[in-house]
């Protein structure tokens, strides 16, 4: 039997309790600002 994994990007706005409870993989959205690329929720921009 194959396993199923829930994945989403960082725009889903799920709280950490839901992410941990269901073992959801969250991939950071890439944001480009003035020729620089940042990962949403990972890199501190301001």
C-alpha atoms as a PDB file:
ATOM      1  CA  UNK A   1       0.000   0.000   0.000  1.00  0.00           C
ATOM      2  CA  UNK A   2       1.332   3.425  -0.958  1.00  0.00           C
ATOM      3  CA  UNK A   3       1.565   6.190   1.618  1.00  0.00           C
ATOM      4  CA  UNK A   4       0.062   9.612   1.060  1.00  0.00           C
ATOM      5  CA  UNK A   5       1.802  12.837   2.117  1.00  0.00           C
ATOM      6  CA  UNK A   6       0.145  16.251   2.321  1.00  0.00           C
ATOM      7  CA  UNK A   7       2.287  19.055   0.907  1.00  0.00           C
ATOM      8  CA  UNK A   8       1.596  22.744   0.392  1.00  0.00           C
ATOM      9  CA  UNK A   9       3.410  26.011  -0.076  1.00  0.00           C
ATOM     10  CA  UNK A  10       3.864  28.709   2.551  1.00  0.00           C
ATOM     11  CA  UNK A  11       0.845  30.716   1.344  1.00  0.00           C
ATOM     12  CA  UNK A  12      -1.517  28.194   2.970  1.00  0.00           C
ATOM     13  CA  UNK A  13      -1.378  30.030   6.355  1.00  0.00           C
ATOM     14  CA  UNK A  14      -1.910  26.863   8.406  1.00  0.00           C
ATOM     15  CA  UNK A  15      -1.011  27.167  12.060  1.00  0.00           C
ATOM     16  CA  UNK A  16       1.829  25.091  13.500  1.00  0.00           C
ATOM     17  CA  UNK A  17      -0.540  22.796  15.441  1.00  0.00           C
ATOM     18  CA  UNK A  18      -2.246  21.634  12.222  1.00  0.00           C
ATOM     19  CA  UNK A  19       1.074  21.285  10.384  1.00  0.00           C
ATOM     20  CA  UNK A  20       2.512  19.161  13.195  1.00  0.00           C
ATOM     21  CA  UNK A  21      -0.658  17.110  13.801  1.00  0.00           C
ATOM     22  CA  UNK A  22      -0.955  15.997  10.171  1.00  0.00           C
ATOM     23  CA  UNK A  23       2.789  16.001   9.406  1.00  0.00           C
ATOM     24  CA  UNK A  24       2.284  18.454   6.526  1.00  0.00           C
ATOM     25  CA  UNK A  25       5.308  19.403   4.425  1.00  0.00           C
ATOM     26  CA  UNK A  26       5.375  23.175   3.793  1.00  0.00           C
ATOM     27  CA  UNK A  27       7.556  24.444   0.945  1.00  0.00           C
ATOM     28  CA  UNK A  28       8.518  28.124   1.103  1.00  0.00           C
ATOM     29  CA  UNK A  29       7.256  30.385  -1.656  1.00  0.00           C
ATOM     30  CA  UNK A  30      10.052  32.208  -3.494  1.00  0.00           C
ATOM     31  CA  UNK A  31       9.750  35.999  -3.444  1.00  0.00           C
ATOM     32  CA  UNK A  32      11.811  38.215  -5.750  1.00  0.00           C
ATOM     33  CA  UNK A  33      12.545  41.775  -4.604  1.00  0.00           C
ATOM     34  CA  UNK A  34      14.943  43.990  -6.545  1.00  0.00           C
ATOM     35  CA  UNK A  35      16.848  41.073  -8.148  1.00  0.00           C
ATOM     36  CA  UNK A  36      17.147  39.229  -4.824  1.00  0.00           C
ATOM     37  CA  UNK A  37      15.294  35.975  -4.101  1.00  0.00           C
ATOM     38  CA  UNK A  38      13.960  35.191  -0.624  1.00  0.00           C
ATOM     39  CA  UNK A  39      12.165  32.153   0.793  1.00  0.00           C
ATOM     40  CA  UNK A  40       8.874  33.021   2.520  1.00  0.00           C
ATOM     41  CA  UNK A  41       9.046  32.223   6.222  1.00  0.00           C
ATOM     42  CA  UNK A  42      12.730  31.301   6.042  1.00  0.00           C
ATOM     43  CA  UNK A  43      14.643  34.437   5.072  1.00  0.00           C
ATOM     44  CA  UNK A  44      14.217  37.627   7.068  1.00  0.00           C
ATOM     45  CA  UNK A  45      13.703  40.450   4.590  1.00  0.00           C
ATOM     46  CA  UNK A  46      12.987  43.390   6.889  1.00  0.00           C
END
